[in-house]
C-alpha atoms as a PDB file:
ATOM      1  CA  MET A   1     216.221  41.116-175.136  1.00  0.00           C
ATOM      2  CA  LEU A   2     214.883  43.196-172.193  1.00  0.00           C
ATOM      3  CA  PHE A   3     211.501  43.818-173.751  1.00  0.00           C
ATOM      4  CA  ASP A   4     211.080  39.908-174.023  1.00  0.00           C
ATOM      5  CA  LEU A   5     211.619  39.657-170.318  1.00  0.00           C
ATOM      6  CA  LEU A   6     208.948  42.414-169.684  1.00  0.00           C
ATOM      7  CA  GLN A   7     206.530  40.594-171.812  1.00  0.00           C
ATOM      8  CA  ASP A   8     206.973  37.407-169.845  1.00  0.00           C
ATOM      9  CA  PHE A   9     206.779  39.484-166.580  1.00  0.00           C
ATOM     10  CA  VAL A  10     203.421  41.011-167.390  1.00  0.00           C
ATOM     11  CA  ARG A  11     202.138  37.662-168.551  1.00  0.00           C
ATOM     12  CA  GLN A  12     202.877  36.186-165.122  1.00  0.00           C
ATOM     13  CA  LYS A  13     201.296  38.988-163.309  1.00  0.00           C
ATOM     14  CA  ARG A  14     198.198  38.949-165.335  1.00  0.00           C
ATOM     15  CA  LEU A  15     197.832  35.095-164.693  1.00  0.00           C
ATOM     16  CA  ALA A  16     198.076  36.071-160.848  1.00  0.00           C
ATOM     17  CA  ALA A  17     195.114  38.528-161.554  1.00  0.00           C
ATOM     18  CA  TRP A  18     197.069  41.567-160.697  1.00  0.00           C
ATOM     19  CA  PRO A  19     195.121  44.868-161.872  1.00  0.00           C
ATOM     20  CA  ASP A  20     196.991  46.570-164.995  1.00  0.00           C
ATOM     21  CA  PHE A  21     197.540  49.743-162.966  1.00  0.00           C
ATOM     22  CA  VAL A  22     199.419  47.876-160.332  1.00  0.00           C
ATOM     23  CA  ILE A  23     201.342  45.840-163.097  1.00  0.00           C
ATOM     24  CA  LYS A  24     202.484  49.150-164.501  1.00  0.00           C
ATOM     25  CA  ASN A  25     204.067  50.133-161.065  1.00  0.00           C
ATOM     26  CA  ALA A  26     205.549  46.683-160.869  1.00  0.00           C
ATOM     27  CA  LEU A  27     207.093  47.048-164.304  1.00  0.00           C
ATOM     28  CA  LYS A  28     208.578  50.331-162.827  1.00  0.00           C
ATOM     29  CA  GLU A  29     210.137  48.342-160.039  1.00  0.00           C
ATOM     30  CA  TYR A  30     211.435  45.813-162.707  1.00  0.00           C
ATOM     31  CA  LEU A  31     213.045  48.661-164.720  1.00  0.00           C
ATOM     32  CA  GLN A  32     214.745  50.205-161.499  1.00  0.00           C
ATOM     33  CA  PHE A  33     217.057  47.179-161.239  1.00  0.00           C
ATOM     34  CA  PRO A  34     218.871  47.838-164.558  1.00  0.00           C
ATOM     35  CA  VAL A  35     219.130  51.764-163.714  1.00  0.00           C
ATOM     36  CA  LEU A  36     220.549  51.006-160.401  1.00  0.00           C
ATOM     37  CA  ALA A  37     222.953  48.474-161.814  1.00  0.00           C
ATOM     38  CA  PHE A  38     224.354  50.988-164.176  1.00  0.00           C
ATOM     39  CA  LEU A  39     224.481  53.808-161.617  1.00  0.00           C
ATOM     40  CA  TYR A  40     226.588  51.639-159.102  1.00  0.00           C
ATOM     41  CA  SER A  41     228.766  50.277-161.731  1.00  0.00           C
ATOM     42  CA  GLN A  42     230.016  53.889-162.493  1.00  0.00           C
ATOM     43  CA  LYS A  43     232.464  55.317-159.941  1.00  0.00           C
ATOM     44  CA  LYS A  44     231.256  58.880-160.382  1.00  0.00           C
ATOM     45  CA  TYR A  45     227.730  57.672-159.303  1.00  0.00           C
ATOM     46  CA  GLN A  46     228.684  55.501-156.438  1.00  0.00           C
ATOM     47  CA  GLU A  47     228.201  58.109-153.811  1.00  0.00           C
ATOM     48  CA  PHE A  48     224.464  58.422-154.607  1.00  0.00           C
ATOM     49  CA  ILE A  49     222.812  57.399-151.145  1.00  0.00           C
ATOM     50  CA  PHE A  50     219.749  55.419-152.075  1.00  0.00           C
ATOM     51  CA  ILE A  51     216.740  56.442-150.053  1.00  0.00           C
ATOM     52  CA  GLY A  52     212.970  56.190-149.916  1.00  0.00           C
ATOM     53  CA  GLY A  53     210.408  53.672-150.437  1.00  0.00           C
ATOM     54  CA  SER A  54     212.389  51.983-153.449  1.00  0.00           C
ATOM     55  CA  ALA A  55     215.381  51.743-151.103  1.00  0.00           C
ATOM     56  CA  LEU A  56     213.210  49.967-148.412  1.00  0.00           C
ATOM     57  CA  ARG A  57     211.569  47.709-151.043  1.00  0.00           C
ATOM     58  CA  ILE A  58     214.694  46.682-152.665  1.00  0.00           C
ATOM     59  CA  ILE A  59     217.022  46.349-149.748  1.00  0.00           C
ATOM     60  CA  HIS A  60     214.671  45.530-146.913  1.00  0.00           C
ATOM     61  CA  GLY A  61     211.663  43.770-148.560  1.00  0.00           C
ATOM     62  CA  LEU A  62     209.105  46.639-147.904  1.00  0.00           C
ATOM     63  CA  PRO A  63     205.838  44.646-149.046  1.00  0.00           C
ATOM     64  CA  ARG A  64     204.560  47.633-151.103  1.00  0.00           C
ATOM     65  CA  LEU A  65     205.738  48.558-154.593  1.00  0.00           C
ATOM     66  CA  SER A  66     207.588  51.868-155.090  1.00  0.00           C
ATOM     67  CA  GLU A  67     207.599  53.854-158.476  1.00  0.00           C
ATOM     68  CA  ASP A  68     210.601  56.395-158.221  1.00  0.00           C
ATOM     69  CA  LEU A  69     214.418  56.248-157.529  1.00  0.00           C
ATOM     70  CA  ASP A  70     215.303  58.748-154.836  1.00  0.00           C
ATOM     71  CA  PHE A  71     218.862  59.540-153.849  1.00  0.00           C
ATOM     72  CA  ASN A  72     220.591  61.996-151.393  1.00  0.00           C
ATOM     73  CA  LEU A  73     223.945  63.304-152.334  1.00  0.00           C
ATOM     74  CA  PRO A  74     226.553  65.496-150.516  1.00  0.00           C
ATOM     75  CA  GLN A  75     226.189  69.086-151.578  1.00  0.00           C
ATOM     76  CA  GLU A  76     229.442  69.221-153.672  1.00  0.00           C
ATOM     77  CA  ILE A  77     228.515  66.168-155.731  1.00  0.00           C
ATOM     78  CA  TYR A  78     224.951  67.392-156.048  1.00  0.00           C
ATOM     79  CA  ASN A  79     226.277  70.774-157.495  1.00  0.00           C
ATOM     80  CA  GLN A  80     228.307  68.964-160.138  1.00  0.00           C
ATOM     81  CA  ILE A  81     225.730  66.358-161.392  1.00  0.00           C
ATOM     82  CA  ASP A  82     224.555  66.928-164.959  1.00  0.00           C
ATOM     83  CA  LEU A  83     221.327  64.958-165.308  1.00  0.00           C
ATOM     84  CA  ALA A  84     221.436  65.395-169.192  1.00  0.00           C
ATOM     85  CA  VAL A  85     224.812  63.443-169.200  1.00  0.00           C
ATOM     86  CA  LEU A  86     223.206  60.713-166.991  1.00  0.00           C
ATOM     87  CA  GLY A  87     220.300  60.458-169.264  1.00  0.00           C
ATOM     88  CA  ARG A  88     222.402  60.082-172.386  1.00  0.00           C
ATOM     89  CA  GLU A  89     224.450  57.354-170.746  1.00  0.00           C
ATOM     90  CA  LEU A  90     221.581  55.488-169.408  1.00  0.00           C
ATOM     91  CA  GLN A  91     219.801  55.832-173.012  1.00  0.00           C
ATOM     92  CA  LYS A  92     223.195  54.224-174.523  1.00  0.00           C
ATOM     93  CA  TYR A  93     223.336  51.751-171.627  1.00  0.00           C
ATOM     94  CA  PHE A  94     219.643  50.373-172.434  1.00  0.00           C
ATOM     95  CA  ALA A  95     220.329  50.414-176.250  1.00  0.00           C
ATOM     96  CA  ASP A  96     223.586  48.759-176.203  1.00  0.00           C
ATOM     97  CA  LYS A  97     223.522  46.199-173.306  1.00  0.00           C
ATOM     98  CA  LEU A  98     219.589  45.662-173.280  1.00  0.00           C
ATOM     99  CA  GLN A  99     218.340  46.377-176.870  1.00  0.00           C
ATOM    100  CA  LEU A 100     215.633  48.808-175.615  1.00  0.00           C
ATOM    101  CA  ALA A 101     215.385  52.204-177.190  1.00  0.00           C
ATOM    102  CA  ILE A 102     214.350  54.882-174.480  1.00  0.00           C
ATOM    103  CA  THR A 103     214.285  58.578-174.182  1.00  0.00           C
ATOM    104  CA  TYR A 104     214.615  61.045-171.182  1.00  0.00           C
ATOM    105  CA  ARG A 105     213.587  64.278-170.031  1.00  0.00           C
ATOM    106  CA  VAL A 106     215.463  66.490-167.485  1.00  0.00           C
ATOM    107  CA  GLN A 107     213.365  68.755-165.130  1.00  0.00           C
ATOM    108  CA  GLY A 108     215.377  71.337-163.279  1.00  0.00           C
ATOM    109  CA  HIS A 109     218.676  70.140-161.631  1.00  0.00           C
ATOM    110  CA  ASP A 110     217.179  67.351-159.631  1.00  0.00           C
ATOM    111  CA  ARG A 111     214.868  65.285-161.688  1.00  0.00           C
ATOM    112  CA  LEU A 112     215.500  62.944-164.472  1.00  0.00           C
ATOM    113  CA  TYR A 113     212.522  60.978-166.309  1.00  0.00           C
ATOM    114  CA  LEU A 114     213.418  58.042-168.224  1.00  0.00           C
ATOM    115  CA  LYS A 115     210.915  57.149-170.801  1.00  0.00           C
ATOM    116  CA  PHE A 116     210.165  53.616-171.821  1.00  0.00           C
ATOM    117  CA  PRO A 117     207.912  53.009-175.144  1.00  0.00           C
ATOM    118  CA  VAL A 118     206.535  49.797-174.156  1.00  0.00           C
ATOM    119  CA  LEU A 119     202.925  50.092-172.795  1.00  0.00           C
ATOM    120  CA  ARG A 120     201.230  49.657-176.155  1.00  0.00           C
ATOM    121  CA  ALA A 121     203.155  46.656-177.121  1.00  0.00           C
ATOM    122  CA  LEU A 122     202.429  45.136-173.529  1.00  0.00           C
ATOM    123  CA  ASN A 123     198.810  45.849-174.043  1.00  0.00           C
ATOM    124  CA  LEU A 124     198.772  48.108-171.022  1.00  0.00           C
ATOM    125  CA  SER A 125     197.757  51.309-173.024  1.00  0.00           C
ATOM    126  CA  ALA A 126     194.019  51.961-173.015  1.00  0.00           C
ATOM    127  CA  GLY A 127     194.366  53.234-176.515  1.00  0.00           C
ATOM    128  CA  ARG A 128     195.826  55.778-178.892  1.00  0.00           C
ATOM    129  CA  ASP A 129     195.038  58.756-176.594  1.00  0.00           C
ATOM    130  CA  GLU A 130     196.888  57.307-173.784  1.00  0.00           C
ATOM    131  CA  SER A 131     200.867  57.664-173.585  1.00  0.00           C
ATOM    132  CA  ASP A 132     203.128  54.682-174.681  1.00  0.00           C
ATOM    133  CA  PHE A 133     205.558  55.661-172.088  1.00  0.00           C
ATOM    134  CA  LEU A 134     206.347  54.026-168.751  1.00  0.00           C
ATOM    135  CA  TYR A 135     208.112  56.603-166.694  1.00  0.00           C
ATOM    136  CA  VAL A 136     210.864  55.893-164.258  1.00  0.00           C
ATOM    137  CA  LYS A 137     211.985  59.035-162.299  1.00  0.00           C
ATOM    138  CA  ILE A 138     215.186  59.636-160.660  1.00  0.00           C
ATOM    139  CA  GLU A 139     215.262  62.531-158.088  1.00  0.00           C
ATOM    140  CA  LEU A 140     218.178  63.955-156.228  1.00  0.00           C
ATOM    141  CA  SER A 141     218.328  65.749-153.076  1.00  0.00           C
ATOM    142  CA  VAL A 142     221.253  67.182-150.783  1.00  0.00           C
ATOM    143  CA  ASP A 143     222.248  64.906-147.864  1.00  0.00           C
ATOM    144  CA  ASP A 144     221.242  67.145-144.956  1.00  0.00           C
ATOM    145  CA  LEU A 145     221.011  64.630-142.078  1.00  0.00           C
ATOM    146  CA  ILE A 146     223.262  65.093-139.215  1.00  0.00           C
ATOM    147  CA  ASN A 147     226.160  62.602-138.889  1.00  0.00           C
ATOM    148  CA  PRO A 148     224.281  59.963-140.763  1.00  0.00           C
ATOM    149  CA  GLU A 149     225.068  56.232-140.713  1.00  0.00           C
ATOM    150  CA  TYR A 150     225.843  54.758-144.127  1.00  0.00           C
ATOM    151  CA  GLU A 151     225.701  51.230-145.141  1.00  0.00           C
ATOM    152  CA  LEU A 152     226.690  49.110-148.325  1.00  0.00           C
ATOM    153  CA  ALA A 153     223.915  46.768-149.253  1.00  0.00           C
ATOM    154  CA  PRO A 154     224.397  43.956-151.977  1.00  0.00           C
ATOM    155  CA  VAL A 155     221.420  43.516-154.137  1.00  0.00           C
ATOM    156  CA  SER A 156     220.230  41.002-156.615  1.00  0.00           C
ATOM    157  CA  GLY A 157     217.058  40.809-158.670  1.00  0.00           C
ATOM    158  CA  PHE A 158     215.685  40.236-162.091  1.00  0.00           C
ATOM    159  CA  GLY A 159     219.102  38.994-163.213  1.00  0.00           C
ATOM    160  CA  PHE A 160     220.998  42.261-162.053  1.00  0.00           C
ATOM    161  CA  ASN A 161     223.562  42.351-159.242  1.00  0.00           C
ATOM    162  CA  PHE A 162     224.921  45.281-157.699  1.00  0.00           C
ATOM    163  CA  ILE A 163     226.013  47.162-154.307  1.00  0.00           C
ATOM    164  CA  VAL A 164     224.209  50.210-153.321  1.00  0.00           C
ATOM    165  CA  LYS A 165     225.114  52.956-150.717  1.00  0.00           C
ATOM    166  CA  THR A 166     222.280  53.708-148.455  1.00  0.00           C
ATOM    167  CA  TYR A 167     221.574  54.979-144.800  1.00  0.00           C
ATOM    168  CA  SER A 168     220.990  52.609-141.855  1.00  0.00           C
ATOM    169  CA  LEU A 169     217.344  52.002-141.000  1.00  0.00           C
ATOM    170  CA  LYS A 170     217.612  54.645-138.295  1.00  0.00           C
ATOM    171  CA  PHE A 171     218.333  57.373-140.812  1.00  0.00           C
ATOM    172  CA  LEU A 172     215.985  56.068-143.586  1.00  0.00           C
ATOM    173  CA  MET A 173     213.222  56.422-140.921  1.00  0.00           C
ATOM    174  CA  THR A 174     214.340  59.788-140.023  1.00  0.00           C
ATOM    175  CA  GLY A 175     214.003  60.968-143.732  1.00  0.00           C
ATOM    176  CA  LYS A 176     210.466  59.525-143.821  1.00  0.00           C
ATOM    177  CA  ILE A 177     209.357  61.130-140.659  1.00  0.00           C
ATOM    178  CA  SER A 178     210.642  64.444-142.198  1.00  0.00           C
ATOM    179  CA  ALA A 179     208.766  63.866-145.315  1.00  0.00           C
ATOM    180  CA  ILE A 180     205.463  63.198-143.374  1.00  0.00           C
ATOM    181  CA  LEU A 181     205.979  66.297-141.379  1.00  0.00           C
ATOM    182  CA  SER A 182     207.022  68.576-144.257  1.00  0.00           C
ATOM    183  CA  ARG A 183     205.907  67.256-147.610  1.00  0.00           C
ATOM    184  CA  SER A 184     203.548  69.233-149.804  1.00  0.00           C
ATOM    185  CA  TRP A 185     201.556  66.893-152.179  1.00  0.00           C
ATOM    186  CA  PHE A 186     198.285  67.688-153.676  1.00  0.00           C
ATOM    187  CA  LYS A 187     196.310  65.313-155.870  1.00  0.00           C
ATOM    188  CA  GLY A 188     192.898  64.167-156.787  1.00  0.00           C
ATOM    189  CA  GLU A 189     189.766  66.087-157.473  1.00  0.00           C
ATOM    190  CA  ASN A 190     190.081  69.812-156.370  1.00  0.00           C
ATOM    191  CA  ASN A 191     193.583  68.834-154.736  1.00  0.00           C
ATOM    192  CA  LYS A 192     191.742  67.192-151.874  1.00  0.00           C
ATOM    193  CA  VAL A 193     194.321  64.437-151.297  1.00  0.00           C
ATOM    194  CA  ASP A 194     197.178  66.283-149.495  1.00  0.00           C
ATOM    195  CA  ILE A 195     199.121  63.402-148.218  1.00  0.00           C
ATOM    196  CA  LYS A 196     201.109  60.578-149.664  1.00  0.00           C
ATOM    197  CA  GLY A 197     199.478  57.383-148.449  1.00  0.00           C
ATOM    198  CA  ARG A 198     202.740  55.663-149.084  1.00  0.00           C
ATOM    199  CA  ASP A 199     204.580  57.706-146.491  1.00  0.00           C
ATOM    200  CA  TYR A 200     201.930  56.419-143.869  1.00  0.00           C
ATOM    201  CA  TYR A 201     202.269  52.836-144.667  1.00  0.00           C
ATOM    202  CA  ASP A 202     205.968  53.226-144.448  1.00  0.00           C
ATOM    203  CA  LEU A 203     205.757  54.741-140.995  1.00  0.00           C
ATOM    204  CA  TYR A 204     203.593  51.731-139.925  1.00  0.00           C
ATOM    205  CA  TRP A 205     206.412  49.436-141.358  1.00  0.00           C
ATOM    206  CA  TYR A 206     209.200  51.302-139.471  1.00  0.00           C
ATOM    207  CA  LEU A 207     207.260  51.230-136.219  1.00  0.00           C
ATOM    208  CA  ASN A 208     206.213  47.487-136.657  1.00  0.00           C
ATOM    209  CA  LYS A 209     209.890  46.664-137.147  1.00  0.00           C
ATOM    210  CA  GLY A 210     210.824  48.620-133.902  1.00  0.00           C
ATOM    211  CA  VAL A 211     213.133  51.056-135.620  1.00  0.00           C
ATOM    212  CA  GLU A 212     213.936  54.414-133.926  1.00  0.00           C
ATOM    213  CA  PRO A 213     214.929  57.581-135.917  1.00  0.00           C
ATOM    214  CA  ASP A 214     217.782  59.851-134.996  1.00  0.00           C
ATOM    215  CA  PHE A 215     216.524  62.500-132.592  1.00  0.00           C
ATOM    216  CA  VAL A 216     219.460  64.733-133.136  1.00  0.00           C
ATOM    217  CA  THR A 217     218.291  65.404-136.793  1.00  0.00           C
ATOM    218  CA  LEU A 218     214.738  65.543-135.692  1.00  0.00           C
ATOM    219  CA  ALA A 219     215.344  68.054-132.933  1.00  0.00           C
ATOM    220  CA  ALA A 220     217.287  70.440-135.171  1.00  0.00           C
ATOM    221  CA  ALA A 221     214.528  70.242-137.793  1.00  0.00           C
ATOM    222  CA  PHE A 222     211.287  69.836-135.853  1.00  0.00           C
ATOM    223  CA  GLY A 223     211.997  70.318-132.061  1.00  0.00           C
ATOM    224  CA  ILE A 224     211.310  66.710-131.592  1.00  0.00           C
ATOM    225  CA  ASN A 225     213.655  65.439-128.775  1.00  0.00           C
ATOM    226  CA  ASN A 226     212.363  61.903-127.805  1.00  0.00           C
ATOM    227  CA  GLN A 227     210.134  59.074-128.426  1.00  0.00           C
ATOM    228  CA  ILE A 228     207.138  60.743-126.336  1.00  0.00           C
ATOM    229  CA  GLU A 229     207.354  64.015-128.378  1.00  0.00           C
ATOM    230  CA  LEU A 230     207.523  61.970-131.545  1.00  0.00           C
ATOM    231  CA  LYS A 231     204.638  59.867-130.802  1.00  0.00           C
ATOM    232  CA  ASP A 232     202.473  63.043-129.703  1.00  0.00           C
ATOM    233  CA  ARG A 233     203.514  64.891-133.027  1.00  0.00           C
ATOM    234  CA  LEU A 234     202.697  61.795-135.199  1.00  0.00           C
ATOM    235  CA  ARG A 235     199.492  61.161-133.518  1.00  0.00           C
ATOM    236  CA  GLU A 236     198.550  64.903-134.130  1.00  0.00           C
ATOM    237  CA  GLN A 237     199.513  64.531-137.669  1.00  0.00           C
ATOM    238  CA  ILE A 238     197.562  61.442-138.308  1.00  0.00           C
ATOM    239  CA  ASP A 239     194.408  62.803-136.474  1.00  0.00           C
ATOM    240  CA  SER A 240     194.298  65.951-138.401  1.00  0.00           C
ATOM    241  CA  MET A 241     195.605  64.793-142.008  1.00  0.00           C
ATOM    242  CA  VAL A 242     194.865  61.182-142.511  1.00  0.00           C
ATOM    243  CA  SER A 243     191.753  59.471-143.914  1.00  0.00           C
ATOM    244  CA  PRO A 244     190.939  56.038-145.468  1.00  0.00           C
ATOM    245  CA  ALA A 245     190.079  57.819-148.658  1.00  0.00           C
ATOM    246  CA  LYS A 246     193.345  59.700-148.836  1.00  0.00           C
ATOM    247  CA  LEU A 247     195.337  56.654-148.066  1.00  0.00           C
ATOM    248  CA  ARG A 248     193.522  54.532-150.689  1.00  0.00           C
ATOM    249  CA  TYR A 249     194.051  57.116-153.398  1.00  0.00           C
ATOM    250  CA  ASP A 250     197.803  56.353-153.275  1.00  0.00           C
ATOM    251  CA  LEU A 251     198.204  52.984-151.672  1.00  0.00           C
ATOM    252  CA  LEU A 252     195.908  51.038-153.964  1.00  0.00           C
ATOM    253  CA  ASN A 253     198.617  51.539-156.769  1.00  0.00           C
ATOM    254  CA  PHE A 254     201.230  49.732-154.910  1.00  0.00           C
ATOM    255  CA  PHE A 255     199.570  46.330-153.898  1.00  0.00           C
ATOM    256  CA  SER A 256     198.197  43.410-155.872  1.00  0.00           C
ATOM    257  CA  GLU A 257     196.008  42.543-152.823  1.00  0.00           C
ATOM    258  CA  GLN A 258     193.492  45.324-153.235  1.00  0.00           C
ATOM    259  CA  GLU A 259     190.946  44.032-150.534  1.00  0.00           C
ATOM    260  CA  PHE A 260     193.892  43.869-147.944  1.00  0.00           C
ATOM    261  CA  ILE A 261     195.137  47.282-148.676  1.00  0.00           C
ATOM    262  CA  ALA A 262     191.723  48.853-148.765  1.00  0.00           C
ATOM    263  CA  ASN A 263     190.957  47.234-145.322  1.00  0.00           C
ATOM    264  CA  PHE A 264     194.354  48.461-144.082  1.00  0.00           C
ATOM    265  CA  CYS A 265     193.388  52.053-145.131  1.00  0.00           C
ATOM    266  CA  ASP A 266     189.970  51.705-143.416  1.00  0.00           C
ATOM    267  CA  ASN A 267     191.568  50.597-140.238  1.00  0.00           C
ATOM    268  CA  TYR A 268     194.839  52.743-140.253  1.00  0.00           C
ATOM    269  CA  SER A 269     194.103  54.684-137.091  1.00  0.00           C
ATOM    270  CA  ALA A 270     193.179  51.676-134.959  1.00  0.00           C
ATOM    271  CA  ILE A 271     196.454  49.859-136.459  1.00  0.00           C
ATOM    272  CA  MET A 272     198.622  52.740-135.432  1.00  0.00           C
ATOM    273  CA  LYS A 273     197.125  53.106-132.004  1.00  0.00           C
ATOM    274  CA  LYS A 274     199.111  50.531-130.396  1.00  0.00           C
ATOM    275  CA  PHE A 275     202.398  52.166-131.728  1.00  0.00           C
ATOM    276  CA  LEU A 276     201.552  55.725-130.673  1.00  0.00           C
ATOM    277  CA  ASP A 277     199.582  55.452-127.447  1.00  0.00           C
END
């Protein structure tokens, strides 16, 4: 049942001339919906706090695609979660309810990879040497924000309906700024790409929406007490770390409009200037 819907989804995206590597991420987003629907239908997972780019995309309409499901949890719940149990539950859910056989892999205490064997059947695998699996990652972190504001958000999409727990935009932005200032990420040839372009696109999105972060949390973590100090720190970060090539490495995967996002990356510093000067 679900596979037939995925086939139709891929067909529509190809008719719209989406590149295959973007379609793969769009499929990940599609599959996030049944995963979220299952999680938030189970009382023991309803305290998962939905965060990151996927939360912005699914709840607030962020224009870019997002590939992972990130959650914060209170420390006591984080300590009790068994991702192998969750993997088995999701495996059964997809088999019983959606007629799709999946497998999973647990990495440490905080990462669960769901493996969907669909790429070859959808003609999205380059050949026998390329994996048949499309991966959807669930990643857990401890909720370490100071007195965060929580919200419940109804979500509907791809035939799935559920209510997620998340932060207000103020605290989602705080988490994104923390990631920008502290995240270690190395990709590309000789690990020359040391930023996630998606973080910097999301920063633009927050600033363009007029969202302000929580300075209590930022002061405790980074010594940033107000907007002036934040702008100074972000300007310094962008000047020292960001280049069009680094942004494109990540962001081209999350937009069907390749010319637009390449142009955005080329002009990122100029675009951000009005927000940070």
